[in-house]
Amino acid sequence: MEFQLDIIEDKIEFFESDSLRDLEKKVNEKIEANKALMLRVSSASHQMQFDANGRPHYSAVVHFALKK
């Protein structure tokens, strides 16, 4: 029986929420979870837009990369 592990070198995750505080919480939870995979934040971007009812909608993209 052969067992092979592949290392995740890059990972991109997308987040969205109706509140900035909730979005930040989601991103921070993923940052902590990805530390176990030896991944760090390489870059992050965020955006805010209003829906048809005038409510804000927040989104973020975070690129995680292998710690070297």
PDB file of N, CA and C in Angstrom:
ATOM      1  N   MET A   1       0.840  -1.172   0.000  1.00  0.00           N
ATOM      2  CA  MET A   1       0.000   0.000   0.000  1.00  0.00           C
ATOM      3  C   MET A   1       0.892   1.245   0.000  1.00  0.00           C
ATOM      4  N   GLU A   2       0.617   2.142  -0.924  1.00  0.00           N
ATOM      5  CA  GLU A   2       1.405   3.360  -1.040  1.00  0.00           C
ATOM      6  C   GLU A   2       0.594   4.549  -0.542  1.00  0.00           C
ATOM      7  N   PHE A   3       1.241   5.348   0.262  1.00  0.00           N
ATOM      8  CA  PHE A   3       0.577   6.525   0.839  1.00  0.00           C
ATOM      9  C   PHE A   3       1.380   7.754   0.444  1.00  0.00           C
ATOM     10  N   GLN A   4       0.720   8.693  -0.224  1.00  0.00           N
ATOM     11  CA  GLN A   4       1.415   9.885  -0.688  1.00  0.00           C
ATOM     12  C   GLN A   4       0.677  11.137  -0.239  1.00  0.00           C
ATOM     13  N   LEU A   5       1.416  12.086   0.313  1.00  0.00           N
ATOM     14  CA  LEU A   5       0.841  13.364   0.727  1.00  0.00           C
ATOM     15  C   LEU A   5       1.262  14.457  -0.240  1.00  0.00           C
ATOM     16  N   ASP A   6       0.317  15.277  -0.645  1.00  0.00           N
ATOM     17  CA  ASP A   6       0.618  16.441  -1.464  1.00  0.00           C
ATOM     18  C   ASP A   6       0.506  17.678  -0.601  1.00  0.00           C
ATOM     19  N   ILE A   7       1.419  18.582  -0.782  1.00  0.00           N
ATOM     20  CA  ILE A   7       1.421  19.829  -0.016  1.00  0.00           C
ATOM     21  C   ILE A   7       0.628  20.879  -0.781  1.00  0.00           C
ATOM     22  N   ILE A   8      -0.268  21.534  -0.077  1.00  0.00           N
ATOM     23  CA  ILE A   8      -1.012  22.647  -0.673  1.00  0.00           C
ATOM     24  C   ILE A   8      -0.097  23.860  -0.642  1.00  0.00           C
ATOM     25  N   GLU A   9       0.199  24.414  -1.811  1.00  0.00           N
ATOM     26  CA  GLU A   9       1.090  25.567  -1.876  1.00  0.00           C
ATOM     27  C   GLU A   9       0.328  26.880  -2.001  1.00  0.00           C
ATOM     28  N   ASP A  10      -0.791  26.849  -2.675  1.00  0.00           N
ATOM     29  CA  ASP A  10      -1.618  28.042  -2.873  1.00  0.00           C
ATOM     30  C   ASP A  10      -3.080  27.686  -2.698  1.00  0.00           C
ATOM     31  N   LYS A  11      -3.810  28.634  -2.140  1.00  0.00           N
ATOM     32  CA  LYS A  11      -5.238  28.423  -1.910  1.00  0.00           C
ATOM     33  C   LYS A  11      -5.916  29.790  -1.942  1.00  0.00           C
ATOM     34  N   ILE A  12      -6.981  29.909  -2.683  1.00  0.00           N
ATOM     35  CA  ILE A  12      -7.730  31.164  -2.749  1.00  0.00           C
ATOM     36  C   ILE A  12      -9.123  30.907  -2.202  1.00  0.00           C
ATOM     37  N   GLU A  13      -9.556  31.747  -1.279  1.00  0.00           N
ATOM     38  CA  GLU A  13     -10.876  31.590  -0.674  1.00  0.00           C
ATOM     39  C   GLU A  13     -11.664  32.881  -0.821  1.00  0.00           C
ATOM     40  N   PHE A  14     -12.975  32.717  -1.005  1.00  0.00           N
ATOM     41  CA  PHE A  14     -13.887  33.839  -1.192  1.00  0.00           C
ATOM     42  C   PHE A  14     -14.851  33.905  -0.011  1.00  0.00           C
ATOM     43  N   PHE A  15     -15.150  35.115   0.417  1.00  0.00           N
ATOM     44  CA  PHE A  15     -16.036  35.324   1.549  1.00  0.00           C
ATOM     45  C   PHE A  15     -17.050  36.410   1.194  1.00  0.00           C
ATOM     46  N   GLU A  16     -18.244  36.317   1.789  1.00  0.00           N
ATOM     47  CA  GLU A  16     -19.236  37.374   1.627  1.00  0.00           C
ATOM     48  C   GLU A  16     -20.123  37.442   2.857  1.00  0.00           C
ATOM     49  N   SER A  17     -20.642  38.643   3.095  1.00  0.00           N
ATOM     50  CA  SER A  17     -21.477  38.862   4.269  1.00  0.00           C
ATOM     51  C   SER A  17     -22.252  40.165   4.103  1.00  0.00           C
ATOM     52  N   ASP A  18     -23.274  40.303   4.936  1.00  0.00           N
ATOM     53  CA  ASP A  18     -24.046  41.546   4.943  1.00  0.00           C
ATOM     54  C   ASP A  18     -23.508  42.550   5.952  1.00  0.00           C
ATOM     55  N   SER A  19     -22.527  42.141   6.773  1.00  0.00           N
ATOM     56  CA  SER A  19     -21.925  43.083   7.723  1.00  0.00           C
ATOM     57  C   SER A  19     -20.407  42.948   7.676  1.00  0.00           C
ATOM     58  N   LEU A  20     -19.741  44.052   7.828  1.00  0.00           N
ATOM     59  CA  LEU A  20     -18.288  44.060   7.792  1.00  0.00           C
ATOM     60  C   LEU A  20     -17.702  43.278   8.966  1.00  0.00           C
ATOM     61  N   ARG A  21     -18.321  43.379  10.121  1.00  0.00           N
ATOM     62  CA  ARG A  21     -17.848  42.657  11.314  1.00  0.00           C
ATOM     63  C   ARG A  21     -17.918  41.142  11.089  1.00  0.00           C
ATOM     64  N   ASP A  22     -19.002  40.660  10.491  1.00  0.00           N
ATOM     65  CA  ASP A  22     -19.156  39.232  10.222  1.00  0.00           C
ATOM     66  C   ASP A  22     -18.143  38.769   9.171  1.00  0.00           C
ATOM     67  N   LEU A  23     -17.903  39.592   8.172  1.00  0.00           N
ATOM     68  CA  LEU A  23     -16.920  39.260   7.146  1.00  0.00           C
ATOM     69  C   LEU A  23     -15.531  39.129   7.763  1.00  0.00           C
ATOM     70  N   GLU A  24     -15.183  40.063   8.620  1.00  0.00           N
ATOM     71  CA  GLU A  24     -13.884  40.021   9.288  1.00  0.00           C
ATOM     72  C   GLU A  24     -13.762  38.772  10.160  1.00  0.00           C
ATOM     73  N   LYS A  25     -14.817  38.398  10.828  1.00  0.00           N
ATOM     74  CA  LYS A  25     -14.808  37.195  11.670  1.00  0.00           C
ATOM     75  C   LYS A  25     -14.569  35.943  10.828  1.00  0.00           C
ATOM     76  N   LYS A  26     -15.263  35.849   9.684  1.00  0.00           N
ATOM     77  CA  LYS A  26     -15.096  34.696   8.798  1.00  0.00           C
ATOM     78  C   LYS A  26     -13.664  34.587   8.287  1.00  0.00           C
ATOM     79  N   VAL A  27     -13.092  35.720   7.875  1.00  0.00           N
ATOM     80  CA  VAL A  27     -11.730  35.710   7.359  1.00  0.00           C
ATOM     81  C   VAL A  27     -10.749  35.320   8.461  1.00  0.00           C
ATOM     82  N   ASN A  28     -10.894  35.883   9.648  1.00  0.00           N
ATOM     83  CA  ASN A  28      -9.985  35.550  10.752  1.00  0.00           C
ATOM     84  C   ASN A  28     -10.061  34.084  11.141  1.00  0.00           C
ATOM     85  N   GLU A  29     -11.259  33.495  11.103  1.00  0.00           N
ATOM     86  CA  GLU A  29     -11.396  32.066  11.410  1.00  0.00           C
ATOM     87  C   GLU A  29     -10.650  31.222  10.389  1.00  0.00           C
ATOM     88  N   LYS A  30     -10.717  31.594   9.118  1.00  0.00           N
ATOM     89  CA  LYS A  30     -10.018  30.837   8.080  1.00  0.00           C
ATOM     90  C   LYS A  30      -8.506  31.019   8.181  1.00  0.00           C
ATOM     91  N   ILE A  31      -8.071  32.211   8.572  1.00  0.00           N
ATOM     92  CA  ILE A  31      -6.642  32.435   8.754  1.00  0.00           C
ATOM     93  C   ILE A  31      -6.107  31.490   9.822  1.00  0.00           C
ATOM     94  N   GLU A  32      -6.819  31.373  10.926  1.00  0.00           N
ATOM     95  CA  GLU A  32      -6.397  30.472  12.001  1.00  0.00           C
ATOM     96  C   GLU A  32      -6.420  29.016  11.538  1.00  0.00           C
ATOM     97  N   ALA A  33      -7.449  28.619  10.800  1.00  0.00           N
ATOM     98  CA  ALA A  33      -7.546  27.235  10.320  1.00  0.00           C
ATOM     99  C   ALA A  33      -6.422  26.918   9.334  1.00  0.00           C
ATOM    100  N   ASN A  34      -6.069  27.869   8.494  1.00  0.00           N
ATOM    101  CA  ASN A  34      -5.034  27.624   7.488  1.00  0.00           C
ATOM    102  C   ASN A  34      -3.626  27.635   8.074  1.00  0.00           C
ATOM    103  N   LYS A  35      -3.462  28.160   9.275  1.00  0.00           N
ATOM    104  CA  LYS A  35      -2.155  28.081   9.934  1.00  0.00           C
ATOM    105  C   LYS A  35      -1.769  26.632  10.170  1.00  0.00           C
ATOM    106  N   ALA A  36      -2.751  25.772  10.416  1.00  0.00           N
ATOM    107  CA  ALA A  36      -2.484  24.347  10.618  1.00  0.00           C
ATOM    108  C   ALA A  36      -1.958  23.700   9.339  1.00  0.00           C
ATOM    109  N   LEU A  37      -2.292  24.266   8.188  1.00  0.00           N
ATOM    110  CA  LEU A  37      -1.807  23.765   6.900  1.00  0.00           C
ATOM    111  C   LEU A  37      -0.521  24.463   6.471  1.00  0.00           C
ATOM    112  N   MET A  38       0.047  25.282   7.382  1.00  0.00           N
ATOM    113  CA  MET A  38       1.271  26.035   7.118  1.00  0.00           C
ATOM    114  C   MET A  38       1.077  27.062   5.993  1.00  0.00           C
ATOM    115  N   LEU A  39      -0.138  27.603   5.900  1.00  0.00           N
ATOM    116  CA  LEU A  39      -0.426  28.620   4.903  1.00  0.00           C
ATOM    117  C   LEU A  39      -0.530  29.980   5.573  1.00  0.00           C
ATOM    118  N   ARG A  40      -0.020  31.002   4.914  1.00  0.00           N
ATOM    119  CA  ARG A  40      -0.118  32.369   5.421  1.00  0.00           C
ATOM    120  C   ARG A  40      -0.858  33.215   4.377  1.00  0.00           C
ATOM    121  N   VAL A  41      -1.307  34.372   4.792  1.00  0.00           N
ATOM    122  CA  VAL A  41      -1.987  35.276   3.863  1.00  0.00           C
ATOM    123  C   VAL A  41      -0.943  35.906   2.957  1.00  0.00           C
ATOM    124  N   SER A  42      -1.116  35.699   1.673  1.00  0.00           N
ATOM    125  CA  SER A  42      -0.217  36.295   0.694  1.00  0.00           C
ATOM    126  C   SER A  42      -0.767  37.636   0.221  1.00  0.00           C
ATOM    127  N   SER A  43      -2.081  37.682   0.006  1.00  0.00           N
ATOM    128  CA  SER A  43      -2.729  38.939  -0.359  1.00  0.00           C
ATOM    129  C   SER A  43      -4.216  38.836  -0.039  1.00  0.00           C
ATOM    130  N   ALA A  44      -4.827  39.988   0.086  1.00  0.00           N
ATOM    131  CA  ALA A  44      -6.265  40.038   0.378  1.00  0.00           C
ATOM    132  C   ALA A  44      -6.848  41.279  -0.277  1.00  0.00           C
ATOM    133  N   SER A  45      -8.080  41.162  -0.725  1.00  0.00           N
ATOM    134  CA  SER A  45      -8.784  42.326  -1.260  1.00  0.00           C
ATOM    135  C   SER A  45     -10.242  42.230  -0.832  1.00  0.00           C
ATOM    136  N   HIS A  46     -10.874  43.368  -0.761  1.00  0.00           N
ATOM    137  CA  HIS A  46     -12.269  43.379  -0.340  1.00  0.00           C
ATOM    138  C   HIS A  46     -13.032  44.412  -1.149  1.00  0.00           C
ATOM    139  N   GLN A  47     -14.344  44.268  -1.129  1.00  0.00           N
ATOM    140  CA  GLN A  47     -15.199  45.157  -1.901  1.00  0.00           C
ATOM    141  C   GLN A  47     -16.523  45.313  -1.181  1.00  0.00           C
ATOM    142  N   MET A  48     -17.140  46.467  -1.351  1.00  0.00           N
ATOM    143  CA  MET A  48     -18.456  46.717  -0.779  1.00  0.00           C
ATOM    144  C   MET A  48     -19.331  47.278  -1.887  1.00  0.00           C
ATOM    145  N   GLN A  49     -20.557  46.786  -1.931  1.00  0.00           N
ATOM    146  CA  GLN A  49     -21.526  47.310  -2.894  1.00  0.00           C
ATOM    147  C   GLN A  49     -22.892  47.308  -2.246  1.00  0.00           C
ATOM    148  N   PHE A  50     -23.805  48.040  -2.811  1.00  0.00           N
ATOM    149  CA  PHE A  50     -25.166  48.109  -2.301  1.00  0.00           C
ATOM    150  C   PHE A  50     -26.071  47.244  -3.156  1.00  0.00           C
ATOM    151  N   ASP A  51     -26.981  46.511  -2.501  1.00  0.00           N
ATOM    152  CA  ASP A  51     -27.939  45.707  -3.246  1.00  0.00           C
ATOM    153  C   ASP A  51     -29.096  46.592  -3.729  1.00  0.00           C
ATOM    154  N   ALA A  52     -30.087  45.993  -4.348  1.00  0.00           N
ATOM    155  CA  ALA A  52     -31.204  46.748  -4.921  1.00  0.00           C
ATOM    156  C   ALA A  52     -32.017  47.493  -3.856  1.00  0.00           C
ATOM    157  N   ASN A  53     -31.957  47.024  -2.607  1.00  0.00           N
ATOM    158  CA  ASN A  53     -32.697  47.671  -1.519  1.00  0.00           C
ATOM    159  C   ASN A  53     -31.847  48.695  -0.762  1.00  0.00           C
ATOM    160  N   GLY A  54     -30.632  48.949  -1.219  1.00  0.00           N
ATOM    161  CA  GLY A  54     -29.770  49.930  -0.578  1.00  0.00           C
ATOM    162  C   GLY A  54     -28.976  49.408   0.602  1.00  0.00           C
ATOM    163  N   ARG A  55     -29.019  48.100   0.851  1.00  0.00           N
ATOM    164  CA  ARG A  55     -28.249  47.504   1.947  1.00  0.00           C
ATOM    165  C   ARG A  55     -26.844  47.163   1.461  1.00  0.00           C
ATOM    166  N   PRO A  56     -25.845  47.370   2.319  1.00  0.00           N
ATOM    167  CA  PRO A  56     -24.476  47.039   1.900  1.00  0.00           C
ATOM    168  C   PRO A  56     -24.237  45.528   1.856  1.00  0.00           C
ATOM    169  N   HIS A  57     -23.398  45.117   0.939  1.00  0.00           N
ATOM    170  CA  HIS A  57     -22.990  43.720   0.812  1.00  0.00           C
ATOM    171  C   HIS A  57     -21.470  43.723   0.676  1.00  0.00           C
ATOM    172  N   TYR A  58     -20.794  42.967   1.534  1.00  0.00           N
ATOM    173  CA  TYR A  58     -19.338  42.950   1.587  1.00  0.00           C
ATOM    174  C   TYR A  58     -18.812  41.624   1.061  1.00  0.00           C
ATOM    175  N   SER A  59     -17.698  41.682   0.360  1.00  0.00           N
ATOM    176  CA  SER A  59     -17.055  40.471  -0.108  1.00  0.00           C
ATOM    177  C   SER A  59     -15.542  40.624  -0.001  1.00  0.00           C
ATOM    178  N   ALA A  60     -14.855  39.492   0.081  1.00  0.00           N
ATOM    179  CA  ALA A  60     -13.400  39.503   0.201  1.00  0.00           C
ATOM    180  C   ALA A  60     -12.822  38.272  -0.490  1.00  0.00           C
ATOM    181  N   VAL A  61     -11.614  38.433  -0.987  1.00  0.00           N
ATOM    182  CA  VAL A  61     -10.855  37.346  -1.580  1.00  0.00           C
ATOM    183  C   VAL A  61      -9.511  37.313  -0.855  1.00  0.00           C
ATOM    184  N   VAL A  62      -9.137  36.137  -0.368  1.00  0.00           N
ATOM    185  CA  VAL A  62      -7.880  35.995   0.350  1.00  0.00           C
ATOM    186  C   VAL A  62      -7.061  34.896  -0.326  1.00  0.00           C
ATOM    187  N   HIS A  63      -5.816  35.238  -0.657  1.00  0.00           N
ATOM    188  CA  HIS A  63      -4.889  34.272  -1.248  1.00  0.00           C
ATOM    189  C   HIS A  63      -3.964  33.793  -0.147  1.00  0.00           C
ATOM    190  N   PHE A  64      -4.002  32.502   0.129  1.00  0.00           N
ATOM    191  CA  PHE A  64      -3.109  31.872   1.105  1.00  0.00           C
ATOM    192  C   PHE A  64      -1.988  31.183   0.348  1.00  0.00           C
ATOM    193  N   ALA A  65      -0.768  31.299   0.877  1.00  0.00           N
ATOM    194  CA  ALA A  65       0.389  30.664   0.246  1.00  0.00           C
ATOM    195  C   ALA A  65       1.212  29.941   1.312  1.00  0.00           C
ATOM    196  N   LEU A  66       1.941  28.948   0.874  1.00  0.00           N
ATOM    197  CA  LEU A  66       2.778  28.131   1.753  1.00  0.00           C
ATOM    198  C   LEU A  66       3.865  28.987   2.397  1.00  0.00           C
ATOM    199  N   LYS A  67       4.062  28.819   3.703  1.00  0.00           N
ATOM    200  CA  LYS A  67       5.152  29.516   4.400  1.00  0.00           C
ATOM    201  C   LYS A  67       6.462  28.908   3.946  1.00  0.00           C
ATOM    202  N   LYS A  68       7.408  29.761   3.645  1.00  0.00           N
ATOM    203  CA  LYS A  68       8.719  29.252   3.192  1.00  0.00           C
ATOM    204  C   LYS A  68       9.802  29.671   4.111  1.00  0.00           C
TER     205      LYS A  68
END
